[in-house]
Amino acid sequence: MDIFNFFIPRDKTKRKEILKKIERIKKEKIINLENELTKDKLELRLRVSNIYKNFNKYLNLKMKMQNEIVNLYNDVRLNKLKWFTFINEKRSESKLVNNIKKKYGNDVKNG
């Protein structure tokens, strides 16, 4: 009796490698943004301030940070890495299906 192994080696999809790159890019930019916002503990003083100018300054910093985060998620590098992950997963899945068809034929039913 032949047993077919459904194990797909992770190194063929390069998923972990690509996810590490994505996380590294995100951490670099987000940490820089957070440091900018919290330098000199400015955030805490401005966030709870009743003075309009101080709160407005805090709000402007937060909006700048929000815009940077939106740009980060629209970054071409991240989108390419996510696309490569998707393509590699689909390629691996199709190889698995082809190996099953080759081993057991086209008339295999799930069940």
PDB file of N, CA and C in Angstrom:
ATOM      1  N   MET A   1       0.847  -1.176   0.000  1.00  0.00           N
ATOM      2  CA  MET A   1       0.000   0.000   0.000  1.00  0.00           C
ATOM      3  C   MET A   1       0.897   1.245   0.000  1.00  0.00           C
ATOM      4  N   ASP A   2       0.666   2.119  -0.961  1.00  0.00           N
ATOM      5  CA  ASP A   2       1.446   3.350  -1.059  1.00  0.00           C
ATOM      6  C   ASP A   2       0.802   4.438  -0.221  1.00  0.00           C
ATOM      7  N   ILE A   3       1.625   5.148   0.526  1.00  0.00           N
ATOM      8  CA  ILE A   3       1.146   6.273   1.324  1.00  0.00           C
ATOM      9  C   ILE A   3       1.716   7.542   0.721  1.00  0.00           C
ATOM     10  N   PHE A   4       0.842   8.466   0.433  1.00  0.00           N
ATOM     11  CA  PHE A   4       1.290   9.729  -0.154  1.00  0.00           C
ATOM     12  C   PHE A   4       1.502  10.748   0.957  1.00  0.00           C
ATOM     13  N   ASN A   5       2.631  11.390   0.959  1.00  0.00           N
ATOM     14  CA  ASN A   5       2.959  12.367   1.987  1.00  0.00           C
ATOM     15  C   ASN A   5       2.504  13.752   1.523  1.00  0.00           C
ATOM     16  N   PHE A   6       1.632  14.396   2.289  1.00  0.00           N
ATOM     17  CA  PHE A   6       1.116  15.709   1.931  1.00  0.00           C
ATOM     18  C   PHE A   6       1.991  16.847   2.438  1.00  0.00           C
ATOM     19  N   PHE A   7       3.143  16.520   2.980  1.00  0.00           N
ATOM     20  CA  PHE A   7       4.033  17.530   3.527  1.00  0.00           C
ATOM     21  C   PHE A   7       4.635  18.363   2.406  1.00  0.00           C
ATOM     22  N   ILE A   8       4.497  19.683   2.529  1.00  0.00           N
ATOM     23  CA  ILE A   8       5.108  20.612   1.574  1.00  0.00           C
ATOM     24  C   ILE A   8       6.251  21.305   2.295  1.00  0.00           C
ATOM     25  N   PRO A   9       7.471  21.125   1.838  1.00  0.00           N
ATOM     26  CA  PRO A   9       8.588  21.792   2.507  1.00  0.00           C
ATOM     27  C   PRO A   9       8.423  23.301   2.484  1.00  0.00           C
ATOM     28  N   ARG A  10       8.623  23.939   3.625  1.00  0.00           N
ATOM     29  CA  ARG A  10       8.442  25.389   3.739  1.00  0.00           C
ATOM     30  C   ARG A  10       9.503  26.166   2.956  1.00  0.00           C
ATOM     31  N   ASP A  11      10.673  25.565   2.776  1.00  0.00           N
ATOM     32  CA  ASP A  11      11.729  26.299   2.100  1.00  0.00           C
ATOM     33  C   ASP A  11      11.416  26.533   0.628  1.00  0.00           C
ATOM     34  N   LYS A  12      10.516  25.746   0.060  1.00  0.00           N
ATOM     35  CA  LYS A  12      10.147  25.950  -1.339  1.00  0.00           C
ATOM     36  C   LYS A  12       9.229  27.154  -1.512  1.00  0.00           C
ATOM     37  N   THR A  13       8.443  27.467  -0.491  1.00  0.00           N
ATOM     38  CA  THR A  13       7.567  28.629  -0.608  1.00  0.00           C
ATOM     39  C   THR A  13       8.254  29.901  -0.127  1.00  0.00           C
ATOM     40  N   LYS A  14       9.343  29.773   0.600  1.00  0.00           N
ATOM     41  CA  LYS A  14      10.117  30.905   1.130  1.00  0.00           C
ATOM     42  C   LYS A  14       9.254  31.821   1.996  1.00  0.00           C
ATOM     43  N   ARG A  15       8.228  31.275   2.587  1.00  0.00           N
ATOM     44  CA  ARG A  15       7.264  32.079   3.337  1.00  0.00           C
ATOM     45  C   ARG A  15       7.885  32.747   4.557  1.00  0.00           C
ATOM     46  N   LYS A  16       8.623  31.981   5.348  1.00  0.00           N
ATOM     47  CA  LYS A  16       9.224  32.542   6.557  1.00  0.00           C
ATOM     48  C   LYS A  16      10.232  33.625   6.221  1.00  0.00           C
ATOM     49  N   GLU A  17      11.008  33.375   5.192  1.00  0.00           N
ATOM     50  CA  GLU A  17      12.012  34.349   4.770  1.00  0.00           C
ATOM     51  C   GLU A  17      11.363  35.669   4.355  1.00  0.00           C
ATOM     52  N   ILE A  18      10.297  35.586   3.584  1.00  0.00           N
ATOM     53  CA  ILE A  18       9.606  36.788   3.108  1.00  0.00           C
ATOM     54  C   ILE A  18       8.907  37.493   4.261  1.00  0.00           C
ATOM     55  N   LEU A  19       8.289  36.741   5.170  1.00  0.00           N
ATOM     56  CA  LEU A  19       7.624  37.362   6.319  1.00  0.00           C
ATOM     57  C   LEU A  19       8.623  38.090   7.216  1.00  0.00           C
ATOM     58  N   LYS A  20       9.824  37.537   7.370  1.00  0.00           N
ATOM     59  CA  LYS A  20      10.850  38.214   8.161  1.00  0.00           C
ATOM     60  C   LYS A  20      11.249  39.538   7.520  1.00  0.00           C
ATOM     61  N   LYS A  21      11.364  39.550   6.188  1.00  0.00           N
ATOM     62  CA  LYS A  21      11.696  40.800   5.497  1.00  0.00           C
ATOM     63  C   LYS A  21      10.606  41.841   5.694  1.00  0.00           C
ATOM     64  N   ILE A  22       9.344  41.407   5.578  1.00  0.00           N
ATOM     65  CA  ILE A  22       8.224  42.332   5.755  1.00  0.00           C
ATOM     66  C   ILE A  22       8.230  42.907   7.163  1.00  0.00           C
ATOM     67  N   GLU A  23       8.410  42.056   8.169  1.00  0.00           N
ATOM     68  CA  GLU A  23       8.426  42.520   9.559  1.00  0.00           C
ATOM     69  C   GLU A  23       9.584  43.475   9.815  1.00  0.00           C
ATOM     70  N   ARG A  24      10.734  43.191   9.229  1.00  0.00           N
ATOM     71  CA  ARG A  24      11.895  44.065   9.415  1.00  0.00           C
ATOM     72  C   ARG A  24      11.624  45.459   8.839  1.00  0.00           C
ATOM     73  N   ILE A  25      11.033  45.516   7.656  1.00  0.00           N
ATOM     74  CA  ILE A  25      10.715  46.805   7.028  1.00  0.00           C
ATOM     75  C   ILE A  25       9.699  47.568   7.870  1.00  0.00           C
ATOM     76  N   LYS A  26       8.665  46.883   8.339  1.00  0.00           N
ATOM     77  CA  LYS A  26       7.646  47.533   9.160  1.00  0.00           C
ATOM     78  C   LYS A  26       8.230  48.057  10.462  1.00  0.00           C
ATOM     79  N   LYS A  27       9.042  47.229  11.126  1.00  0.00           N
ATOM     80  CA  LYS A  27       9.603  47.632  12.412  1.00  0.00           C
ATOM     81  C   LYS A  27      10.496  48.851  12.273  1.00  0.00           C
ATOM     82  N   GLU A  28      11.320  48.876  11.220  1.00  0.00           N
ATOM     83  CA  GLU A  28      12.213  50.022  11.012  1.00  0.00           C
ATOM     84  C   GLU A  28      11.422  51.320  10.931  1.00  0.00           C
ATOM     85  N   LYS A  29      10.415  51.326  10.086  1.00  0.00           N
ATOM     86  CA  LYS A  29       9.666  52.566   9.866  1.00  0.00           C
ATOM     87  C   LYS A  29       8.770  52.917  11.046  1.00  0.00           C
ATOM     88  N   ILE A  30       8.095  51.937  11.602  1.00  0.00           N
ATOM     89  CA  ILE A  30       7.171  52.215  12.694  1.00  0.00           C
ATOM     90  C   ILE A  30       7.920  52.645  13.950  1.00  0.00           C
ATOM     91  N   ILE A  31       9.052  52.017  14.232  1.00  0.00           N
ATOM     92  CA  ILE A  31       9.836  52.419  15.407  1.00  0.00           C
ATOM     93  C   ILE A  31      10.333  53.853  15.247  1.00  0.00           C
ATOM     94  N   ASN A  32      10.764  54.205  14.053  1.00  0.00           N
ATOM     95  CA  ASN A  32      11.192  55.591  13.816  1.00  0.00           C
ATOM     96  C   ASN A  32      10.041  56.569  14.043  1.00  0.00           C
ATOM     97  N   LEU A  33       8.859  56.207  13.575  1.00  0.00           N
ATOM     98  CA  LEU A  33       7.695  57.082  13.760  1.00  0.00           C
ATOM     99  C   LEU A  33       7.323  57.217  15.230  1.00  0.00           C
ATOM    100  N   GLU A  34       7.357  56.113  15.947  1.00  0.00           N
ATOM    101  CA  GLU A  34       7.015  56.165  17.368  1.00  0.00           C
ATOM    102  C   GLU A  34       8.036  56.980  18.151  1.00  0.00           C
ATOM    103  N   ASN A  35       9.295  56.842  17.803  1.00  0.00           N
ATOM    104  CA  ASN A  35      10.329  57.624  18.475  1.00  0.00           C
ATOM    105  C   ASN A  35      10.136  59.120  18.230  1.00  0.00           C
ATOM    106  N   GLU A  36       9.760  59.442  17.019  1.00  0.00           N
ATOM    107  CA  GLU A  36       9.520  60.851  16.703  1.00  0.00           C
ATOM    108  C   GLU A  36       8.360  61.407  17.517  1.00  0.00           C
ATOM    109  N   LEU A  37       7.335  60.619  17.669  1.00  0.00           N
ATOM    110  CA  LEU A  37       6.145  61.074  18.378  1.00  0.00           C
ATOM    111  C   LEU A  37       6.397  61.176  19.891  1.00  0.00           C
ATOM    112  N   THR A  38       7.163  60.274  20.426  1.00  0.00           N
ATOM    113  CA  THR A  38       7.326  60.228  21.878  1.00  0.00           C
ATOM    114  C   THR A  38       8.609  60.874  22.387  1.00  0.00           C
ATOM    115  N   LYS A  39       9.360  61.519  21.531  1.00  0.00           N
ATOM    116  CA  LYS A  39      10.607  62.110  21.999  1.00  0.00           C
ATOM    117  C   LYS A  39      10.322  63.177  23.055  1.00  0.00           C
ATOM    118  N   ASP A  40      11.160  63.176  24.060  1.00  0.00           N
ATOM    119  CA  ASP A  40      11.043  64.081  25.206  1.00  0.00           C
ATOM    120  C   ASP A  40       9.708  63.930  25.930  1.00  0.00           C
ATOM    121  N   LYS A  41       9.103  62.772  25.797  1.00  0.00           N
ATOM    122  CA  LYS A  41       7.797  62.507  26.424  1.00  0.00           C
ATOM    123  C   LYS A  41       6.789  63.596  26.090  1.00  0.00           C
ATOM    124  N   LEU A  42       6.916  64.090  24.886  1.00  0.00           N
ATOM    125  CA  LEU A  42       6.051  65.160  24.404  1.00  0.00           C
ATOM    126  C   LEU A  42       4.614  64.682  24.248  1.00  0.00           C
ATOM    127  N   GLU A  43       4.478  63.448  23.825  1.00  0.00           N
ATOM    128  CA  GLU A  43       3.144  62.913  23.562  1.00  0.00           C
ATOM    129  C   GLU A  43       2.255  62.981  24.799  1.00  0.00           C
ATOM    130  N   LEU A  44       2.780  62.542  25.920  1.00  0.00           N
ATOM    131  CA  LEU A  44       1.965  62.485  27.137  1.00  0.00           C
ATOM    132  C   LEU A  44       1.503  63.879  27.555  1.00  0.00           C
ATOM    133  N   ARG A  45       2.403  64.830  27.470  1.00  0.00           N
ATOM    134  CA  ARG A  45       2.026  66.194  27.874  1.00  0.00           C
ATOM    135  C   ARG A  45       1.038  66.823  26.893  1.00  0.00           C
ATOM    136  N   LEU A  46       1.213  66.557  25.610  1.00  0.00           N
ATOM    137  CA  LEU A  46       0.342  67.181  24.618  1.00  0.00           C
ATOM    138  C   LEU A  46      -1.019  66.496  24.531  1.00  0.00           C
ATOM    139  N   ARG A  47      -1.018  65.197  24.734  1.00  0.00           N
ATOM    140  CA  ARG A  47      -2.258  64.442  24.578  1.00  0.00           C
ATOM    141  C   ARG A  47      -3.296  64.845  25.612  1.00  0.00           C
ATOM    142  N   VAL A  48      -2.882  65.145  26.805  1.00  0.00           N
ATOM    143  CA  VAL A  48      -3.825  65.460  27.877  1.00  0.00           C
ATOM    144  C   VAL A  48      -3.931  66.965  28.132  1.00  0.00           C
ATOM    145  N   SER A  49      -3.374  67.741  27.231  1.00  0.00           N
ATOM    146  CA  SER A  49      -3.338  69.181  27.435  1.00  0.00           C
ATOM    147  C   SER A  49      -4.694  69.817  27.153  1.00  0.00           C
ATOM    148  N   ASN A  50      -5.025  70.832  27.941  1.00  0.00           N
ATOM    149  CA  ASN A  50      -6.229  71.612  27.695  1.00  0.00           C
ATOM    150  C   ASN A  50      -5.929  72.825  26.822  1.00  0.00           C
ATOM    151  N   ILE A  51      -4.685  73.065  26.573  1.00  0.00           N
ATOM    152  CA  ILE A  51      -4.282  74.205  25.749  1.00  0.00           C
ATOM    153  C   ILE A  51      -4.411  73.809  24.284  1.00  0.00           C
ATOM    154  N   TYR A  52      -5.146  74.627  23.559  1.00  0.00           N
ATOM    155  CA  TYR A  52      -5.465  74.312  22.171  1.00  0.00           C
ATOM    156  C   TYR A  52      -4.215  74.125  21.323  1.00  0.00           C
ATOM    157  N   LYS A  53      -3.225  74.990  21.450  1.00  0.00           N
ATOM    158  CA  LYS A  53      -2.022  74.908  20.633  1.00  0.00           C
ATOM    159  C   LYS A  53      -1.265  73.611  20.879  1.00  0.00           C
ATOM    160  N   ASN A  54      -1.166  73.220  22.123  1.00  0.00           N
ATOM    161  CA  ASN A  54      -0.459  71.978  22.448  1.00  0.00           C
ATOM    162  C   ASN A  54      -1.198  70.751  21.905  1.00  0.00           C
ATOM    163  N   PHE A  55      -2.494  70.743  22.088  1.00  0.00           N
ATOM    164  CA  PHE A  55      -3.264  69.611  21.585  1.00  0.00           C
ATOM    165  C   PHE A  55      -3.223  69.580  20.065  1.00  0.00           C
ATOM    166  N   ASN A  56      -3.266  70.730  19.437  1.00  0.00           N
ATOM    167  CA  ASN A  56      -3.195  70.812  17.979  1.00  0.00           C
ATOM    168  C   ASN A  56      -1.849  70.289  17.479  1.00  0.00           C
ATOM    169  N   LYS A  57      -0.784  70.596  18.192  1.00  0.00           N
ATOM    170  CA  LYS A  57       0.538  70.088  17.842  1.00  0.00           C
ATOM    171  C   LYS A  57       0.567  68.564  17.923  1.00  0.00           C
ATOM    172  N   TYR A  58      -0.012  68.033  18.986  1.00  0.00           N
ATOM    173  CA  TYR A  58      -0.097  66.576  19.151  1.00  0.00           C
ATOM    174  C   TYR A  58      -0.913  65.950  18.016  1.00  0.00           C
ATOM    175  N   LEU A  59      -2.022  66.565  17.695  1.00  0.00           N
ATOM    176  CA  LEU A  59      -2.884  66.046  16.642  1.00  0.00           C
ATOM    177  C   LEU A  59      -2.166  66.051  15.299  1.00  0.00           C
ATOM    178  N   ASN A  60      -1.412  67.099  15.024  1.00  0.00           N
ATOM    179  CA  ASN A  60      -0.654  67.167  13.772  1.00  0.00           C
ATOM    180  C   ASN A  60       0.407  66.064  13.712  1.00  0.00           C
ATOM    181  N   LEU A  61       1.064  65.819  14.836  1.00  0.00           N
ATOM    182  CA  LEU A  61       2.045  64.729  14.881  1.00  0.00           C
ATOM    183  C   LEU A  61       1.383  63.372  14.634  1.00  0.00           C
ATOM    184  N   LYS A  62       0.230  63.171  15.241  1.00  0.00           N
ATOM    185  CA  LYS A  62      -0.489  61.909  15.048  1.00  0.00           C
ATOM    186  C   LYS A  62      -0.938  61.733  13.597  1.00  0.00           C
ATOM    187  N   MET A  63      -1.403  62.809  12.985  1.00  0.00           N
ATOM    188  CA  MET A  63      -1.833  62.727  11.585  1.00  0.00           C
ATOM    189  C   MET A  63      -0.646  62.455  10.666  1.00  0.00           C
ATOM    190  N   LYS A  64       0.484  63.053  10.973  1.00  0.00           N
ATOM    191  CA  LYS A  64       1.695  62.789  10.198  1.00  0.00           C
ATOM    192  C   LYS A  64       2.074  61.312  10.318  1.00  0.00           C
ATOM    193  N   MET A  65       1.994  60.796  11.532  1.00  0.00           N
ATOM    194  CA  MET A  65       2.297  59.392  11.766  1.00  0.00           C
ATOM    195  C   MET A  65       1.318  58.494  11.008  1.00  0.00           C
ATOM    196  N   GLN A  66       0.056  58.840  11.033  1.00  0.00           N
ATOM    197  CA  GLN A  66      -0.960  58.067  10.312  1.00  0.00           C
ATOM    198  C   GLN A  66      -0.667  58.044   8.817  1.00  0.00           C
ATOM    199  N   ASN A  67      -0.319  59.180   8.257  1.00  0.00           N
ATOM    200  CA  ASN A  67       0.003  59.244   6.826  1.00  0.00           C
ATOM    201  C   ASN A  67       1.219  58.391   6.486  1.00  0.00           C
ATOM    202  N   GLU A  68       2.220  58.405   7.369  1.00  0.00           N
ATOM    203  CA  GLU A  68       3.413  57.581   7.150  1.00  0.00           C
ATOM    204  C   GLU A  68       3.073  56.090   7.201  1.00  0.00           C
ATOM    205  N   ILE A  69       2.192  55.717   8.109  1.00  0.00           N
ATOM    206  CA  ILE A  69       1.794  54.309   8.210  1.00  0.00           C
ATOM    207  C   ILE A  69       1.019  53.882   6.964  1.00  0.00           C
ATOM    208  N   VAL A  70       0.149  54.740   6.477  1.00  0.00           N
ATOM    209  CA  VAL A  70      -0.584  54.437   5.241  1.00  0.00           C
ATOM    210  C   VAL A  70       0.402  54.264   4.087  1.00  0.00           C
ATOM    211  N   ASN A  71       1.391  55.142   4.015  1.00  0.00           N
ATOM    212  CA  ASN A  71       2.408  55.018   2.968  1.00  0.00           C
ATOM    213  C   ASN A  71       3.211  53.730   3.129  1.00  0.00           C
ATOM    214  N   LEU A  72       3.463  53.354   4.360  1.00  0.00           N
ATOM    215  CA  LEU A  72       4.189  52.116   4.615  1.00  0.00           C
ATOM    216  C   LEU A  72       3.424  50.916   4.073  1.00  0.00           C
ATOM    217  N   TYR A  73       2.127  50.862   4.322  1.00  0.00           N
ATOM    218  CA  TYR A  73       1.341  49.725   3.859  1.00  0.00           C
ATOM    219  C   TYR A  73       1.091  49.775   2.348  1.00  0.00           C
ATOM    220  N   ASN A  74       1.310  50.920   1.730  1.00  0.00           N
ATOM    221  CA  ASN A  74       1.213  51.016   0.276  1.00  0.00           C
ATOM    222  C   ASN A  74       2.579  50.903  -0.391  1.00  0.00           C
ATOM    223  N   ASP A  75       3.586  50.573   0.392  1.00  0.00           N
ATOM    224  CA  ASP A  75       4.956  50.472  -0.112  1.00  0.00           C
ATOM    225  C   ASP A  75       5.045  49.361  -1.157  1.00  0.00           C
ATOM    226  N   VAL A  76       5.707  49.663  -2.261  1.00  0.00           N
ATOM    227  CA  VAL A  76       5.827  48.717  -3.368  1.00  0.00           C
ATOM    228  C   VAL A  76       6.604  47.476  -2.951  1.00  0.00           C
ATOM    229  N   ARG A  77       7.639  47.657  -2.121  1.00  0.00           N
ATOM    230  CA  ARG A  77       8.434  46.502  -1.688  1.00  0.00           C
ATOM    231  C   ARG A  77       7.592  45.488  -0.927  1.00  0.00           C
ATOM    232  N   LEU A  78       6.745  45.994  -0.021  1.00  0.00           N
ATOM    233  CA  LEU A  78       5.903  45.077   0.758  1.00  0.00           C
ATOM    234  C   LEU A  78       4.909  44.361  -0.139  1.00  0.00           C
ATOM    235  N   ASN A  79       4.329  45.094  -1.067  1.00  0.00           N
ATOM    236  CA  ASN A  79       3.363  44.471  -1.965  1.00  0.00           C
ATOM    237  C   ASN A  79       4.026  43.408  -2.839  1.00  0.00           C
ATOM    238  N   LYS A  80       5.251  43.670  -3.288  1.00  0.00           N
ATOM    239  CA  LYS A  80       5.965  42.670  -4.084  1.00  0.00           C
ATOM    240  C   LYS A  80       6.252  41.429  -3.257  1.00  0.00           C
ATOM    241  N   LEU A  81       6.690  41.630  -2.032  1.00  0.00           N
ATOM    242  CA  LEU A  81       6.982  40.482  -1.177  1.00  0.00           C
ATOM    243  C   LEU A  81       5.725  39.656  -0.901  1.00  0.00           C
ATOM    244  N   LYS A  82       4.605  40.325  -0.670  1.00  0.00           N
ATOM    245  CA  LYS A  82       3.344  39.601  -0.451  1.00  0.00           C
ATOM    246  C   LYS A  82       2.925  38.856  -1.719  1.00  0.00           C
ATOM    247  N   TRP A  83       3.146  39.484  -2.875  1.00  0.00           N
ATOM    248  CA  TRP A  83       2.806  38.852  -4.151  1.00  0.00           C
ATOM    249  C   TRP A  83       3.669  37.604  -4.367  1.00  0.00           C
ATOM    250  N   PHE A  84       4.967  37.700  -4.078  1.00  0.00           N
ATOM    251  CA  PHE A  84       5.848  36.542  -4.227  1.00  0.00           C
ATOM    252  C   PHE A  84       5.424  35.408  -3.297  1.00  0.00           C
ATOM    253  N   THR A  85       4.990  35.743  -2.101  1.00  0.00           N
ATOM    254  CA  THR A  85       4.497  34.731  -1.172  1.00  0.00           C
ATOM    255  C   THR A  85       3.283  34.018  -1.754  1.00  0.00           C
ATOM    256  N   PHE A  86       2.349  34.795  -2.278  1.00  0.00           N
ATOM    257  CA  PHE A  86       1.137  34.225  -2.871  1.00  0.00           C
ATOM    258  C   PHE A  86       1.477  33.314  -4.046  1.00  0.00           C
ATOM    259  N   ILE A  87       2.349  33.788  -4.942  1.00  0.00           N
ATOM    260  CA  ILE A  87       2.728  33.007  -6.122  1.00  0.00           C
ATOM    261  C   ILE A  87       3.419  31.706  -5.718  1.00  0.00           C
ATOM    262  N   ASN A  88       4.337  31.799  -4.751  1.00  0.00           N
ATOM    263  CA  ASN A  88       5.049  30.589  -4.311  1.00  0.00           C
ATOM    264  C   ASN A  88       4.114  29.578  -3.668  1.00  0.00           C
ATOM    265  N   GLU A  89       3.126  30.055  -2.905  1.00  0.00           N
ATOM    266  CA  GLU A  89       2.155  29.139  -2.299  1.00  0.00           C
ATOM    267  C   GLU A  89       1.320  28.446  -3.371  1.00  0.00           C
ATOM    268  N   LYS A  90       0.865  29.204  -4.363  1.00  0.00           N
ATOM    269  CA  LYS A  90       0.061  28.615  -5.440  1.00  0.00           C
ATOM    270  C   LYS A  90       0.886  27.615  -6.250  1.00  0.00           C
ATOM    271  N   ARG A  91       2.146  27.946  -6.492  1.00  0.00           N
ATOM    272  CA  ARG A  91       3.030  27.043  -7.224  1.00  0.00           C
ATOM    273  C   ARG A  91       3.215  25.743  -6.444  1.00  0.00           C
ATOM    274  N   SER A  92       3.411  25.848  -5.152  1.00  0.00           N
ATOM    275  CA  SER A  92       3.598  24.676  -4.314  1.00  0.00           C
ATOM    276  C   SER A  92       2.335  23.817  -4.275  1.00  0.00           C
ATOM    277  N   GLU A  93       1.175  24.470  -4.170  1.00  0.00           N
ATOM    278  CA  GLU A  93      -0.096  23.733  -4.160  1.00  0.00           C
ATOM    279  C   GLU A  93      -0.318  23.007  -5.476  1.00  0.00           C
ATOM    280  N   SER A  94      -0.003  23.661  -6.592  1.00  0.00           N
ATOM    281  CA  SER A  94      -0.210  23.008  -7.891  1.00  0.00           C
ATOM    282  C   SER A  94       0.740  21.829  -8.071  1.00  0.00           C
ATOM    283  N   LYS A  95       1.981  21.942  -7.538  1.00  0.00           N
ATOM    284  CA  LYS A  95       2.905  20.807  -7.589  1.00  0.00           C
ATOM    285  C   LYS A  95       2.358  19.632  -6.791  1.00  0.00           C
ATOM    286  N   LEU A  96       1.769  19.928  -5.626  1.00  0.00           N
ATOM    287  CA  LEU A  96       1.191  18.883  -4.803  1.00  0.00           C
ATOM    288  C   LEU A  96       0.061  18.177  -5.542  1.00  0.00           C
ATOM    289  N   VAL A  97      -0.826  18.955  -6.167  1.00  0.00           N
ATOM    290  CA  VAL A  97      -1.949  18.369  -6.904  1.00  0.00           C
ATOM    291  C   VAL A  97      -1.432  17.537  -8.069  1.00  0.00           C
ATOM    292  N   ASN A  98      -0.438  18.041  -8.776  1.00  0.00           N
ATOM    293  CA  ASN A  98       0.126  17.283  -9.899  1.00  0.00           C
ATOM    294  C   ASN A  98       0.785  15.989  -9.434  1.00  0.00           C
ATOM    295  N   ASN A  99       1.460  16.036  -8.275  1.00  0.00           N
ATOM    296  CA  ASN A  99       2.063  14.808  -7.742  1.00  0.00           C
ATOM    297  C   ASN A  99       0.994  13.789  -7.359  1.00  0.00           C
ATOM    298  N   ILE A 100      -0.124  14.259  -6.796  1.00  0.00           N
ATOM    299  CA  ILE A 100      -1.225  13.352  -6.447  1.00  0.00           C
ATOM    300  C   ILE A 100      -1.808  12.730  -7.710  1.00  0.00           C
ATOM    301  N   LYS A 101      -2.024  13.558  -8.743  1.00  0.00           N
ATOM    302  CA  LYS A 101      -2.566  13.034 -10.009  1.00  0.00           C
ATOM    303  C   LYS A 101      -1.610  12.040 -10.646  1.00  0.00           C
ATOM    304  N   LYS A 102      -0.318  12.330 -10.566  1.00  0.00           N
ATOM    305  CA  LYS A 102       0.672  11.441 -11.166  1.00  0.00           C
ATOM    306  C   LYS A 102       0.701  10.098 -10.435  1.00  0.00           C
ATOM    307  N   LYS A 103       0.552  10.150  -9.113  1.00  0.00           N
ATOM    308  CA  LYS A 103       0.650   8.923  -8.310  1.00  0.00           C
ATOM    309  C   LYS A 103      -0.635   8.094  -8.367  1.00  0.00           C
ATOM    310  N   TYR A 104      -1.807   8.758  -8.298  1.00  0.00           N
ATOM    311  CA  TYR A 104      -3.077   8.046  -8.175  1.00  0.00           C
ATOM    312  C   TYR A 104      -3.985   8.183  -9.385  1.00  0.00           C
ATOM    313  N   GLY A 105      -3.643   9.009 -10.345  1.00  0.00           N
ATOM    314  CA  GLY A 105      -4.487   9.189 -11.526  1.00  0.00           C
ATOM    315  C   GLY A 105      -5.425  10.373 -11.368  1.00  0.00           C
ATOM    316  N   ASN A 106      -6.142  10.687 -12.444  1.00  0.00           N
ATOM    317  CA  ASN A 106      -7.020  11.869 -12.478  1.00  0.00           C
ATOM    318  C   ASN A 106      -8.360  11.643 -11.793  1.00  0.00           C
ATOM    319  N   ASP A 107      -8.768  10.414 -11.572  1.00  0.00           N
ATOM    320  CA  ASP A 107     -10.093  10.108 -11.063  1.00  0.00           C
ATOM    321  C   ASP A 107     -10.123   9.939  -9.538  1.00  0.00           C
ATOM    322  N   VAL A 108      -9.278  10.635  -8.831  1.00  0.00           N
ATOM    323  CA  VAL A 108      -9.226  10.531  -7.379  1.00  0.00           C
ATOM    324  C   VAL A 108     -10.341  11.373  -6.777  1.00  0.00           C
ATOM    325  N   LYS A 109     -11.092  10.799  -5.820  1.00  0.00           N
ATOM    326  CA  LYS A 109     -12.173  11.528  -5.159  1.00  0.00           C
ATOM    327  C   LYS A 109     -11.799  11.767  -3.705  1.00  0.00           C
ATOM    328  N   ASN A 110     -12.210  12.918  -3.182  1.00  0.00           N
ATOM    329  CA  ASN A 110     -12.027  13.194  -1.747  1.00  0.00           C
ATOM    330  C   ASN A 110     -13.141  12.495  -0.995  1.00  0.00           C
ATOM    331  N   GLY A 111     -12.802  11.977   0.138  1.00  0.00           N
ATOM    332  CA  GLY A 111     -13.933  11.471   0.811  1.00  0.00           C
ATOM    333  C   GLY A 111     -13.785  10.543   1.876  1.00  0.00           C
TER     334      GLY A 111
END
